[in-house]
Amino acid sequence: MNSIETQNLLLSRMNSMEQIASSNEIAPAQNGGFQQDFMQVIHDINAQQNLASDMMRAVDTGESQDVIGTMVTSQKASLSFNMLMEVRNKLMDGFDDVMRMSL
Protein backbone atom coordinates (compact mmCIF):
# COMPACT_ATOMS: atom_id res chain seq x y z
CA MET A 1 0.00 0.00 0.00
CA ASN A 2 1.59 3.27 -1.05
CA SER A 3 1.32 6.59 0.74
CA ILE A 4 -1.50 7.94 -1.43
CA GLU A 5 -3.63 4.83 -0.88
CA THR A 6 -2.97 5.00 2.86
CA GLN A 7 -3.88 8.69 2.99
CA ASN A 8 -7.06 8.09 0.96
CA LEU A 9 -8.03 5.25 3.31
CA LEU A 10 -7.47 7.45 6.36
CA LEU A 11 -9.39 10.31 4.74
CA SER A 12 -12.36 8.07 4.00
CA ARG A 13 -12.36 6.83 7.60
CA MET A 14 -12.22 10.39 8.89
CA ASN A 15 -15.15 11.36 6.65
CA SER A 16 -17.23 8.43 7.88
CA MET A 17 -16.41 9.32 11.51
CA GLU A 18 -17.43 12.92 10.83
CA GLN A 19 -20.78 11.75 9.46
CA ILE A 20 -21.35 9.52 12.49
CA ALA A 21 -20.40 12.30 14.89
CA SER A 22 -22.75 14.77 13.22
CA SER A 23 -25.75 12.45 13.57
CA ASN A 24 -27.97 12.76 16.65
CA GLU A 25 -27.68 9.13 17.63
CA ILE A 26 -24.63 6.90 17.70
CA ALA A 27 -25.38 3.19 17.30
CA PRO A 28 -23.47 0.53 19.23
CA ALA A 29 -20.52 -1.09 17.53
CA GLN A 30 -21.46 -3.88 15.14
CA ASN A 31 -17.99 -5.17 14.41
CA GLY A 32 -16.86 -6.83 17.62
CA GLY A 33 -16.64 -3.95 20.06
CA PHE A 34 -13.94 -1.89 21.63
CA GLN A 35 -11.16 -4.46 21.52
CA GLN A 36 -11.40 -4.97 17.78
CA ASP A 37 -11.64 -1.22 17.16
CA PHE A 38 -8.60 -0.58 19.34
CA MET A 39 -6.63 -3.32 17.58
CA GLN A 40 -7.55 -1.75 14.22
CA VAL A 41 -6.27 1.63 15.41
CA ILE A 42 -3.01 0.03 16.56
CA HIS A 43 -2.69 -1.71 13.19
CA ASP A 44 -3.30 1.57 11.32
CA ILE A 45 -0.72 3.44 13.41
CA ASN A 46 1.78 0.66 12.82
CA ALA A 47 1.12 0.94 9.07
CA GLN A 48 1.72 4.71 9.24
CA GLN A 49 5.01 4.18 11.06
CA ASN A 50 6.11 1.51 8.58
CA LEU A 51 5.26 3.83 5.68
CA ALA A 52 7.22 6.68 7.27
CA SER A 53 10.17 4.36 7.83
CA ASP A 54 10.08 3.14 4.22
CA MET A 55 9.89 6.70 2.92
CA MET A 56 12.83 7.77 5.12
CA ARG A 57 14.86 4.80 3.90
CA ALA A 58 14.06 5.74 0.28
CA VAL A 59 15.21 9.31 0.84
CA ASP A 60 18.34 8.16 2.69
CA THR A 61 19.33 5.77 -0.09
CA GLY A 62 18.58 8.27 -2.86
CA GLU A 63 15.61 6.34 -4.29
CA SER A 64 13.33 9.31 -3.64
CA GLN A 65 13.73 13.07 -3.55
CA ASP A 66 10.44 13.70 -1.69
CA VAL A 67 11.94 15.04 1.54
CA ILE A 68 8.92 17.19 2.39
CA GLY A 69 6.46 14.33 1.87
CA THR A 70 8.66 12.09 3.98
CA MET A 71 8.80 14.62 6.81
CA VAL A 72 5.01 15.14 6.70
CA THR A 73 4.42 11.38 6.78
CA SER A 74 6.89 11.01 9.63
CA GLN A 75 5.18 13.75 11.63
CA LYS A 76 1.75 12.20 11.00
CA ALA A 77 3.01 8.84 12.25
CA SER A 78 4.57 10.48 15.30
CA LEU A 79 1.39 12.42 16.09
CA SER A 80 -0.73 9.28 15.72
CA PHE A 81 1.54 7.35 18.06
CA ASN A 82 1.50 10.16 20.62
CA MET A 83 -2.29 10.24 20.46
CA LEU A 84 -2.40 6.48 21.02
CA MET A 85 -0.19 6.85 24.08
CA GLU A 86 -2.43 9.60 25.48
CA VAL A 87 -5.51 7.41 24.99
CA ARG A 88 -3.71 4.53 26.71
CA ASN A 89 -2.75 6.79 29.61
CA LYS A 90 -6.35 8.00 30.01
CA LEU A 91 -7.62 4.42 29.97
CA MET A 92 -5.07 3.40 32.59
CA ASP A 93 -6.01 6.39 34.76
CA GLY A 94 -9.68 5.42 34.49
CA PHE A 95 -8.87 1.82 35.37
CA ASP A 96 -6.85 2.97 38.39
CA ASP A 97 -9.78 5.15 39.52
CA VAL A 98 -12.16 2.20 39.29
CA MET A 99 -9.74 0.00 41.23
CA ARG A 100 -9.53 2.59 44.02
CA MET A 101 -13.31 2.76 44.43
CA SER A 102 -14.68 1.26 47.60
CA LEU A 103 -17.63 -1.08 47.42
PDB file of N, CA and C in Angstrom:
ATOM      1  N   MET A   1       0.858  -1.164   0.000  1.00  0.00           N
ATOM      2  CA  MET A   1       0.000   0.000   0.000  1.00  0.00           C
ATOM      3  C   MET A   1       0.906   1.228   0.000  1.00  0.00           C
ATOM      4  N   ASN A   2       0.749   2.084  -0.984  1.00  0.00           N
ATOM      5  CA  ASN A   2       1.594   3.270  -1.046  1.00  0.00           C
ATOM      6  C   ASN A   2       1.006   4.402  -0.205  1.00  0.00           C
ATOM      7  N   SER A   3       1.723   5.491  -0.138  1.00  0.00           N
ATOM      8  CA  SER A   3       1.318   6.589   0.745  1.00  0.00           C
ATOM      9  C   SER A   3       0.001   7.230   0.316  1.00  0.00           C
ATOM     10  N   ILE A   4      -0.252   7.322  -0.971  1.00  0.00           N
ATOM     11  CA  ILE A   4      -1.495   7.937  -1.435  1.00  0.00           C
ATOM     12  C   ILE A   4      -2.681   7.059  -1.075  1.00  0.00           C
ATOM     13  N   GLU A   5      -2.540   5.740  -1.242  1.00  0.00           N
ATOM     14  CA  GLU A   5      -3.626   4.829  -0.877  1.00  0.00           C
ATOM     15  C   GLU A   5      -3.885   4.875   0.623  1.00  0.00           C
ATOM     16  N   THR A   6      -2.824   4.934   1.409  1.00  0.00           N
ATOM     17  CA  THR A   6      -2.970   5.005   2.857  1.00  0.00           C
ATOM     18  C   THR A   6      -3.665   6.300   3.261  1.00  0.00           C
ATOM     19  N   GLN A   7      -3.265   7.399   2.664  1.00  0.00           N
ATOM     20  CA  GLN A   7      -3.883   8.685   2.987  1.00  0.00           C
ATOM     21  C   GLN A   7      -5.342   8.717   2.557  1.00  0.00           C
ATOM     22  N   ASN A   8      -5.661   8.139   1.401  1.00  0.00           N
ATOM     23  CA  ASN A   8      -7.056   8.086   0.955  1.00  0.00           C
ATOM     24  C   ASN A   8      -7.888   7.225   1.891  1.00  0.00           C
ATOM     25  N   LEU A   9      -7.331   6.113   2.370  1.00  0.00           N
ATOM     26  CA  LEU A   9      -8.033   5.250   3.312  1.00  0.00           C
ATOM     27  C   LEU A   9      -8.301   5.997   4.616  1.00  0.00           C
ATOM     28  N   LEU A  10      -7.296   6.691   5.127  1.00  0.00           N
ATOM     29  CA  LEU A  10      -7.468   7.450   6.363  1.00  0.00           C
ATOM     30  C   LEU A  10      -8.475   8.585   6.174  1.00  0.00           C
ATOM     31  N   LEU A  11      -8.442   9.233   5.018  1.00  0.00           N
ATOM     32  CA  LEU A  11      -9.392  10.310   4.736  1.00  0.00           C
ATOM     33  C   LEU A  11     -10.817   9.779   4.688  1.00  0.00           C
ATOM     34  N   SER A  12     -11.014   8.635   4.065  1.00  0.00           N
ATOM     35  CA  SER A  12     -12.364   8.068   4.003  1.00  0.00           C
ATOM     36  C   SER A  12     -12.854   7.678   5.388  1.00  0.00           C
ATOM     37  N   ARG A  13     -11.965   7.162   6.226  1.00  0.00           N
ATOM     38  CA  ARG A  13     -12.356   6.832   7.603  1.00  0.00           C
ATOM     39  C   ARG A  13     -12.700   8.085   8.395  1.00  0.00           C
ATOM     40  N   MET A  14     -11.932   9.149   8.193  1.00  0.00           N
ATOM     41  CA  MET A  14     -12.223  10.394   8.890  1.00  0.00           C
ATOM     42  C   MET A  14     -13.566  10.961   8.448  1.00  0.00           C
ATOM     43  N   ASN A  15     -13.859  10.871   7.153  1.00  0.00           N
ATOM     44  CA  ASN A  15     -15.146  11.361   6.651  1.00  0.00           C
ATOM     45  C   ASN A  15     -16.297  10.554   7.229  1.00  0.00           C
ATOM     46  N   SER A  16     -16.148   9.247   7.311  1.00  0.00           N
ATOM     47  CA  SER A  16     -17.226   8.435   7.879  1.00  0.00           C
ATOM     48  C   SER A  16     -17.402   8.728   9.369  1.00  0.00           C
ATOM     49  N   MET A  17     -16.304   8.966  10.090  1.00  0.00           N
ATOM     50  CA  MET A  17     -16.413   9.317  11.510  1.00  0.00           C
ATOM     51  C   MET A  17     -17.080  10.677  11.678  1.00  0.00           C
ATOM     52  N   GLU A  18     -16.805  11.605  10.761  1.00  0.00           N
ATOM     53  CA  GLU A  18     -17.431  12.920  10.827  1.00  0.00           C
ATOM     54  C   GLU A  18     -18.938  12.804  10.629  1.00  0.00           C
ATOM     55  N   GLN A  19     -19.359  11.955   9.693  1.00  0.00           N
ATOM     56  CA  GLN A  19     -20.784  11.754   9.461  1.00  0.00           C
ATOM     57  C   GLN A  19     -21.454  11.124  10.680  1.00  0.00           C
ATOM     58  N   ILE A  20     -20.794  10.166  11.298  1.00  0.00           N
ATOM     59  CA  ILE A  20     -21.349   9.519  12.491  1.00  0.00           C
ATOM     60  C   ILE A  20     -21.448  10.527  13.632  1.00  0.00           C
ATOM     61  N   ALA A  21     -20.410  11.333  13.799  1.00  0.00           N
ATOM     62  CA  ALA A  21     -20.398  12.304  14.893  1.00  0.00           C
ATOM     63  C   ALA A  21     -21.450  13.388  14.697  1.00  0.00           C
ATOM     64  N   SER A  22     -21.771  13.723  13.465  1.00  0.00           N
ATOM     65  CA  SER A  22     -22.747  14.775  13.222  1.00  0.00           C
ATOM     66  C   SER A  22     -24.188  14.286  13.374  1.00  0.00           C
ATOM     67  N   SER A  23     -24.392  12.971  13.388  1.00  0.00           N
ATOM     68  CA  SER A  23     -25.752  12.452  13.567  1.00  0.00           C
ATOM     69  C   SER A  23     -26.156  12.592  15.038  1.00  0.00           C
ATOM     70  N   ASN A  24     -27.459  12.576  15.285  1.00  0.00           N
ATOM     71  CA  ASN A  24     -27.967  12.756  16.647  1.00  0.00           C
ATOM     72  C   ASN A  24     -27.824  11.512  17.499  1.00  0.00           C
ATOM     73  N   GLU A  25     -27.733  10.371  16.878  1.00  0.00           N
ATOM     74  CA  GLU A  25     -27.683   9.126  17.626  1.00  0.00           C
ATOM     75  C   GLU A  25     -26.515   8.275  17.132  1.00  0.00           C
ATOM     76  N   ILE A  26     -25.759   7.754  18.049  1.00  0.00           N
ATOM     77  CA  ILE A  26     -24.635   6.895  17.699  1.00  0.00           C
ATOM     78  C   ILE A  26     -25.017   5.470  18.067  1.00  0.00           C
ATOM     79  N   ALA A  27     -24.991   4.586  17.087  1.00  0.00           N
ATOM     80  CA  ALA A  27     -25.378   3.194  17.302  1.00  0.00           C
ATOM     81  C   ALA A  27     -24.228   2.422  17.941  1.00  0.00           C
ATOM     82  N   PRO A  28     -24.540   1.355  18.665  1.00  0.00           N
ATOM     83  CA  PRO A  28     -23.472   0.529  19.235  1.00  0.00           C
ATOM     84  C   PRO A  28     -22.635  -0.122  18.139  1.00  0.00           C
ATOM     85  N   ALA A  29     -21.427  -0.479  18.495  1.00  0.00           N
ATOM     86  CA  ALA A  29     -20.516  -1.088  17.527  1.00  0.00           C
ATOM     87  C   ALA A  29     -21.074  -2.418  17.035  1.00  0.00           C
ATOM     88  N   GLN A  30     -20.964  -2.652  15.733  1.00  0.00           N
ATOM     89  CA  GLN A  30     -21.457  -3.883  15.142  1.00  0.00           C
ATOM     90  C   GLN A  30     -20.331  -4.832  14.752  1.00  0.00           C
ATOM     91  N   ASN A  31     -19.109  -4.400  14.946  1.00  0.00           N
ATOM     92  CA  ASN A  31     -17.989  -5.169  14.411  1.00  0.00           C
ATOM     93  C   ASN A  31     -17.149  -5.882  15.466  1.00  0.00           C
ATOM     94  N   GLY A  32     -17.641  -6.087  16.637  1.00  0.00           N
ATOM     95  CA  GLY A  32     -16.863  -6.826  17.615  1.00  0.00           C
ATOM     96  C   GLY A  32     -16.499  -6.010  18.837  1.00  0.00           C
ATOM     97  N   GLY A  33     -16.828  -4.747  18.863  1.00  0.00           N
ATOM     98  CA  GLY A  33     -16.640  -3.955  20.063  1.00  0.00           C
ATOM     99  C   GLY A  33     -15.328  -3.215  20.144  1.00  0.00           C
ATOM    100  N   PHE A  34     -15.064  -2.778  21.359  1.00  0.00           N
ATOM    101  CA  PHE A  34     -13.943  -1.892  21.629  1.00  0.00           C
ATOM    102  C   PHE A  34     -12.600  -2.543  21.330  1.00  0.00           C
ATOM    103  N   GLN A  35     -12.446  -3.800  21.715  1.00  0.00           N
ATOM    104  CA  GLN A  35     -11.162  -4.460  21.521  1.00  0.00           C
ATOM    105  C   GLN A  35     -10.772  -4.508  20.051  1.00  0.00           C
ATOM    106  N   GLN A  36     -11.701  -4.892  19.205  1.00  0.00           N
ATOM    107  CA  GLN A  36     -11.403  -4.974  17.779  1.00  0.00           C
ATOM    108  C   GLN A  36     -11.131  -3.587  17.199  1.00  0.00           C
ATOM    109  N   ASP A  37     -11.885  -2.585  17.630  1.00  0.00           N
ATOM    110  CA  ASP A  37     -11.644  -1.219  17.165  1.00  0.00           C
ATOM    111  C   ASP A  37     -10.263  -0.734  17.583  1.00  0.00           C
ATOM    112  N   PHE A  38      -9.896  -1.013  18.836  1.00  0.00           N
ATOM    113  CA  PHE A  38      -8.597  -0.578  19.340  1.00  0.00           C
ATOM    114  C   PHE A  38      -7.464  -1.296  18.608  1.00  0.00           C
ATOM    115  N   MET A  39      -7.647  -2.576  18.331  1.00  0.00           N
ATOM    116  CA  MET A  39      -6.634  -3.318  17.581  1.00  0.00           C
ATOM    117  C   MET A  39      -6.494  -2.765  16.162  1.00  0.00           C
ATOM    118  N   GLN A  40      -7.601  -2.340  15.557  1.00  0.00           N
ATOM    119  CA  GLN A  40      -7.552  -1.753  14.220  1.00  0.00           C
ATOM    120  C   GLN A  40      -6.782  -0.431  14.242  1.00  0.00           C
ATOM    121  N   VAL A  41      -7.004   0.362  15.275  1.00  0.00           N
ATOM    122  CA  VAL A  41      -6.275   1.632  15.406  1.00  0.00           C
ATOM    123  C   VAL A  41      -4.780   1.363  15.555  1.00  0.00           C
ATOM    124  N   ILE A  42      -4.429   0.379  16.376  1.00  0.00           N
ATOM    125  CA  ILE A  42      -3.014   0.034  16.555  1.00  0.00           C
ATOM    126  C   ILE A  42      -2.414  -0.429  15.232  1.00  0.00           C
ATOM    127  N   HIS A  43      -3.160  -1.237  14.490  1.00  0.00           N
ATOM    128  CA  HIS A  43      -2.687  -1.709  13.190  1.00  0.00           C
ATOM    129  C   HIS A  43      -2.477  -0.536  12.235  1.00  0.00           C
ATOM    130  N   ASP A  44      -3.411   0.403  12.211  1.00  0.00           N
ATOM    131  CA  ASP A  44      -3.296   1.566  11.323  1.00  0.00           C
ATOM    132  C   ASP A  44      -2.094   2.435  11.688  1.00  0.00           C
ATOM    133  N   ILE A  45      -1.873   2.633  12.972  1.00  0.00           N
ATOM    134  CA  ILE A  45      -0.725   3.442  13.408  1.00  0.00           C
ATOM    135  C   ILE A  45       0.573   2.741  13.056  1.00  0.00           C
ATOM    136  N   ASN A  46       0.600   1.424  13.212  1.00  0.00           N
ATOM    137  CA  ASN A  46       1.781   0.655  12.819  1.00  0.00           C
ATOM    138  C   ASN A  46       2.038   0.799  11.323  1.00  0.00           C
ATOM    139  N   ALA A  47       0.976   0.764  10.519  1.00  0.00           N
ATOM    140  CA  ALA A  47       1.122   0.937   9.067  1.00  0.00           C
ATOM    141  C   ALA A  47       1.668   2.324   8.738  1.00  0.00           C
ATOM    142  N   GLN A  48       1.199   3.344   9.462  1.00  0.00           N
ATOM    143  CA  GLN A  48       1.715   4.705   9.240  1.00  0.00           C
ATOM    144  C   GLN A  48       3.203   4.768   9.574  1.00  0.00           C
ATOM    145  N   GLN A  49       3.602   4.148  10.674  1.00  0.00           N
ATOM    146  CA  GLN A  49       5.010   4.177  11.062  1.00  0.00           C
ATOM    147  C   GLN A  49       5.877   3.403  10.069  1.00  0.00           C
ATOM    148  N   ASN A  50       5.364   2.271   9.576  1.00  0.00           N
ATOM    149  CA  ASN A  50       6.114   1.511   8.579  1.00  0.00           C
ATOM    150  C   ASN A  50       6.264   2.306   7.287  1.00  0.00           C
ATOM    151  N   LEU A  51       5.198   2.994   6.878  1.00  0.00           N
ATOM    152  CA  LEU A  51       5.258   3.828   5.680  1.00  0.00           C
ATOM    153  C   LEU A  51       6.280   4.948   5.853  1.00  0.00           C
ATOM    154  N   ALA A  52       6.261   5.603   7.004  1.00  0.00           N
ATOM    155  CA  ALA A  52       7.223   6.681   7.266  1.00  0.00           C
ATOM    156  C   ALA A  52       8.648   6.137   7.246  1.00  0.00           C
ATOM    157  N   SER A  53       8.840   4.973   7.821  1.00  0.00           N
ATOM    158  CA  SER A  53      10.166   4.359   7.830  1.00  0.00           C
ATOM    159  C   SER A  53      10.633   4.028   6.415  1.00  0.00           C
ATOM    160  N   ASP A  54       9.732   3.463   5.611  1.00  0.00           N
ATOM    161  CA  ASP A  54      10.079   3.140   4.225  1.00  0.00           C
ATOM    162  C   ASP A  54      10.410   4.394   3.430  1.00  0.00           C
ATOM    163  N   MET A  55       9.630   5.458   3.645  1.00  0.00           N
ATOM    164  CA  MET A  55       9.892   6.701   2.924  1.00  0.00           C
ATOM    165  C   MET A  55      11.225   7.313   3.354  1.00  0.00           C
ATOM    166  N   MET A  56      11.543   7.243   4.655  1.00  0.00           N
ATOM    167  CA  MET A  56      12.826   7.769   5.123  1.00  0.00           C
ATOM    168  C   MET A  56      13.985   6.961   4.547  1.00  0.00           C
ATOM    169  N   ARG A  57      13.831   5.649   4.481  1.00  0.00           N
ATOM    170  CA  ARG A  57      14.861   4.801   3.900  1.00  0.00           C
ATOM    171  C   ARG A  57      15.064   5.157   2.427  1.00  0.00           C
ATOM    172  N   ALA A  58      13.962   5.389   1.697  1.00  0.00           N
ATOM    173  CA  ALA A  58      14.059   5.735   0.283  1.00  0.00           C
ATOM    174  C   ALA A  58      14.788   7.062   0.088  1.00  0.00           C
ATOM    175  N   VAL A  59      14.515   8.021   0.941  1.00  0.00           N
ATOM    176  CA  VAL A  59      15.209   9.313   0.841  1.00  0.00           C
ATOM    177  C   VAL A  59      16.679   9.144   1.211  1.00  0.00           C
ATOM    178  N   ASP A  60      16.947   8.371   2.257  1.00  0.00           N
ATOM    179  CA  ASP A  60      18.335   8.165   2.691  1.00  0.00           C
ATOM    180  C   ASP A  60      19.190   7.465   1.636  1.00  0.00           C
ATOM    181  N   THR A  61      18.569   6.522   0.917  1.00  0.00           N
ATOM    182  CA  THR A  61      19.332   5.771  -0.095  1.00  0.00           C
ATOM    183  C   THR A  61      19.329   6.446  -1.461  1.00  0.00           C
ATOM    184  N   GLY A  62      18.610   7.552  -1.603  1.00  0.00           N
ATOM    185  CA  GLY A  62      18.582   8.274  -2.860  1.00  0.00           C
ATOM    186  C   GLY A  62      17.532   7.777  -3.833  1.00  0.00           C
ATOM    187  N   GLU A  63      16.666   6.841  -3.407  1.00  0.00           N
ATOM    188  CA  GLU A  63      15.610   6.336  -4.292  1.00  0.00           C
ATOM    189  C   GLU A  63      14.515   7.377  -4.500  1.00  0.00           C
ATOM    190  N   SER A  64      14.385   8.299  -3.561  1.00  0.00           N
ATOM    191  CA  SER A  64      13.334   9.311  -3.636  1.00  0.00           C
ATOM    192  C   SER A  64      13.917  10.671  -3.280  1.00  0.00           C
ATOM    193  N   GLN A  65      13.327  11.700  -3.857  1.00  0.00           N
ATOM    194  CA  GLN A  65      13.732  13.070  -3.547  1.00  0.00           C
ATOM    195  C   GLN A  65      12.644  13.808  -2.768  1.00  0.00           C
ATOM    196  N   ASP A  66      11.598  13.097  -2.353  1.00  0.00           N
ATOM    197  CA  ASP A  66      10.438  13.702  -1.686  1.00  0.00           C
ATOM    198  C   ASP A  66      10.710  13.870  -0.184  1.00  0.00           C
ATOM    199  N   VAL A  67      11.583  14.806   0.147  1.00  0.00           N
ATOM    200  CA  VAL A  67      11.942  15.036   1.544  1.00  0.00           C
ATOM    201  C   VAL A  67      10.770  15.626   2.320  1.00  0.00           C
ATOM    202  N   ILE A  68      10.046  16.544   1.708  1.00  0.00           N
ATOM    203  CA  ILE A  68       8.921  17.192   2.388  1.00  0.00           C
ATOM    204  C   ILE A  68       7.816  16.174   2.665  1.00  0.00           C
ATOM    205  N   GLY A  69       7.474  15.365   1.668  1.00  0.00           N
ATOM    206  CA  GLY A  69       6.464  14.332   1.869  1.00  0.00           C
ATOM    207  C   GLY A  69       6.878  13.336   2.939  1.00  0.00           C
ATOM    208  N   THR A  70       8.150  13.014   2.967  1.00  0.00           N
ATOM    209  CA  THR A  70       8.665  12.092   3.977  1.00  0.00           C
ATOM    210  C   THR A  70       8.543  12.694   5.364  1.00  0.00           C
ATOM    211  N   MET A  71       8.892  13.965   5.504  1.00  0.00           N
ATOM    212  CA  MET A  71       8.799  14.618   6.812  1.00  0.00           C
ATOM    213  C   MET A  71       7.351  14.736   7.272  1.00  0.00           C
ATOM    214  N   VAL A  72       6.439  15.043   6.351  1.00  0.00           N
ATOM    215  CA  VAL A  72       5.015  15.141   6.700  1.00  0.00           C
ATOM    216  C   VAL A  72       4.500  13.776   7.155  1.00  0.00           C
ATOM    217  N   THR A  73       4.846  12.735   6.411  1.00  0.00           N
ATOM    218  CA  THR A  73       4.416  11.379   6.778  1.00  0.00           C
ATOM    219  C   THR A  73       5.001  10.968   8.122  1.00  0.00           C
ATOM    220  N   SER A  74       6.252  11.321   8.359  1.00  0.00           N
ATOM    221  CA  SER A  74       6.891  11.008   9.633  1.00  0.00           C
ATOM    222  C   SER A  74       6.206  11.728  10.786  1.00  0.00           C
ATOM    223  N   GLN A  75       5.860  12.992  10.582  1.00  0.00           N
ATOM    224  CA  GLN A  75       5.175  13.754  11.631  1.00  0.00           C
ATOM    225  C   GLN A  75       3.771  13.216  11.887  1.00  0.00           C
ATOM    226  N   LYS A  76       3.077  12.793  10.829  1.00  0.00           N
ATOM    227  CA  LYS A  76       1.750  12.196  10.999  1.00  0.00           C
ATOM    228  C   LYS A  76       1.844  10.922  11.820  1.00  0.00           C
ATOM    229  N   ALA A  77       2.834  10.087  11.509  1.00  0.00           N
ATOM    230  CA  ALA A  77       3.013   8.843  12.247  1.00  0.00           C
ATOM    231  C   ALA A  77       3.355   9.131  13.712  1.00  0.00           C
ATOM    232  N   SER A  78       4.190  10.114  13.937  1.00  0.00           N
ATOM    233  CA  SER A  78       4.565  10.483  15.299  1.00  0.00           C
ATOM    234  C   SER A  78       3.365  11.015  16.078  1.00  0.00           C
ATOM    235  N   LEU A  79       2.580  11.868  15.445  1.00  0.00           N
ATOM    236  CA  LEU A  79       1.392  12.423  16.090  1.00  0.00           C
ATOM    237  C   LEU A  79       0.378  11.323  16.410  1.00  0.00           C
ATOM    238  N   SER A  80       0.194  10.394  15.485  1.00  0.00           N
ATOM    239  CA  SER A  80      -0.730   9.282  15.716  1.00  0.00           C
ATOM    240  C   SER A  80      -0.270   8.428  16.889  1.00  0.00           C
ATOM    241  N   PHE A  81       1.016   8.150  16.955  1.00  0.00           N
ATOM    242  CA  PHE A  81       1.545   7.349  18.060  1.00  0.00           C
ATOM    243  C   PHE A  81       1.393   8.084  19.386  1.00  0.00           C
ATOM    244  N   ASN A  82       1.669   9.378  19.386  1.00  0.00           N
ATOM    245  CA  ASN A  82       1.505  10.160  20.616  1.00  0.00           C
ATOM    246  C   ASN A  82       0.052  10.181  21.065  1.00  0.00           C
ATOM    247  N   MET A  83      -0.876  10.279  20.116  1.00  0.00           N
ATOM    248  CA  MET A  83      -2.293  10.240  20.455  1.00  0.00           C
ATOM    249  C   MET A  83      -2.661   8.893  21.062  1.00  0.00           C
ATOM    250  N   LEU A  84      -2.141   7.818  20.483  1.00  0.00           N
ATOM    251  CA  LEU A  84      -2.397   6.480  21.020  1.00  0.00           C
ATOM    252  C   LEU A  84      -1.890   6.360  22.456  1.00  0.00           C
ATOM    253  N   MET A  85      -0.726   6.910  22.729  1.00  0.00           N
ATOM    254  CA  MET A  85      -0.188   6.847  24.085  1.00  0.00           C
ATOM    255  C   MET A  85      -1.038   7.663  25.065  1.00  0.00           C
ATOM    256  N   GLU A  86      -1.562   8.795  24.617  1.00  0.00           N
ATOM    257  CA  GLU A  86      -2.430   9.595  25.476  1.00  0.00           C
ATOM    258  C   GLU A  86      -3.733   8.863  25.777  1.00  0.00           C
ATOM    259  N   VAL A  87      -4.289   8.194  24.771  1.00  0.00           N
ATOM    260  CA  VAL A  87      -5.513   7.408  24.993  1.00  0.00           C
ATOM    261  C   VAL A  87      -5.218   6.280  25.975  1.00  0.00           C
ATOM    262  N   ARG A  88      -4.094   5.598  25.788  1.00  0.00           N
ATOM    263  CA  ARG A  88      -3.706   4.529  26.714  1.00  0.00           C
ATOM    264  C   ARG A  88      -3.571   5.062  28.130  1.00  0.00           C
ATOM    265  N   ASN A  89      -2.932   6.216  28.280  1.00  0.00           N
ATOM    266  CA  ASN A  89      -2.748   6.795  29.613  1.00  0.00           C
ATOM    267  C   ASN A  89      -4.089   7.135  30.260  1.00  0.00           C
ATOM    268  N   LYS A  90      -5.012   7.686  29.475  1.00  0.00           N
ATOM    269  CA  LYS A  90      -6.345   8.004  30.011  1.00  0.00           C
ATOM    270  C   LYS A  90      -7.083   6.735  30.425  1.00  0.00           C
ATOM    271  N   LEU A  91      -6.978   5.696  29.611  1.00  0.00           N
ATOM    272  CA  LEU A  91      -7.620   4.425  29.967  1.00  0.00           C
ATOM    273  C   LEU A  91      -7.029   3.845  31.250  1.00  0.00           C
ATOM    274  N   MET A  92      -5.716   3.928  31.375  1.00  0.00           N
ATOM    275  CA  MET A  92      -5.071   3.405  32.587  1.00  0.00           C
ATOM    276  C   MET A  92      -5.455   4.233  33.809  1.00  0.00           C
ATOM    277  N   ASP A  93      -5.561   5.546  33.653  1.00  0.00           N
ATOM    278  CA  ASP A  93      -6.007   6.393  34.764  1.00  0.00           C
ATOM    279  C   ASP A  93      -7.433   6.031  35.174  1.00  0.00           C
ATOM    280  N   GLY A  94      -8.305   5.816  34.192  1.00  0.00           N
ATOM    281  CA  GLY A  94      -9.678   5.421  34.491  1.00  0.00           C
ATOM    282  C   GLY A  94      -9.732   4.078  35.184  1.00  0.00           C
ATOM    283  N   PHE A  95      -8.924   3.145  34.735  1.00  0.00           N
ATOM    284  CA  PHE A  95      -8.871   1.822  35.365  1.00  0.00           C
ATOM    285  C   PHE A  95      -8.386   1.938  36.805  1.00  0.00           C
ATOM    286  N   ASP A  96      -7.353   2.760  37.021  1.00  0.00           N
ATOM    287  CA  ASP A  96      -6.850   2.971  38.390  1.00  0.00           C
ATOM    288  C   ASP A  96      -7.927   3.587  39.276  1.00  0.00           C
ATOM    289  N   ASP A  97      -8.687   4.536  38.747  1.00  0.00           N
ATOM    290  CA  ASP A  97      -9.783   5.152  39.517  1.00  0.00           C
ATOM    291  C   ASP A  97     -10.827   4.120  39.901  1.00  0.00           C
ATOM    292  N   VAL A  98     -11.170   3.237  38.983  1.00  0.00           N
ATOM    293  CA  VAL A  98     -12.160   2.196  39.290  1.00  0.00           C
ATOM    294  C   VAL A  98     -11.612   1.249  40.344  1.00  0.00           C
ATOM    295  N   MET A  99     -10.347   0.914  40.253  1.00  0.00           N
ATOM    296  CA  MET A  99      -9.744  -0.002  41.233  1.00  0.00           C
ATOM    297  C   MET A  99      -9.689   0.613  42.631  1.00  0.00           C
ATOM    298  N   ARG A 100      -9.594   1.920  42.724  1.00  0.00           N
ATOM    299  CA  ARG A 100      -9.530   2.595  44.023  1.00  0.00           C
ATOM    300  C   ARG A 100     -10.899   2.799  44.652  1.00  0.00           C
ATOM    301  N   MET A 101     -11.965   2.579  43.887  1.00  0.00           N
ATOM    302  CA  MET A 101     -13.309   2.762  44.427  1.00  0.00           C
ATOM    303  C   MET A 101     -13.606   1.742  45.520  1.00  0.00           C
ATOM    304  N   SER A 102     -14.280   2.204  46.559  1.00  0.00           N
ATOM    305  CA  SER A 102     -14.680   1.257  47.601  1.00  0.00           C
ATOM    306  C   SER A 102     -16.090   0.749  47.284  1.00  0.00           C
ATOM    307  N   LEU A 103     -16.332  -0.466  47.704  1.00  0.00           N
ATOM    308  CA  LEU A 103     -17.628  -1.081  47.422  1.00  0.00           C
ATOM    309  C   LEU A 103     -18.653  -0.713  48.445  1.00  0.00           C
TER     310      LEU A 103
END
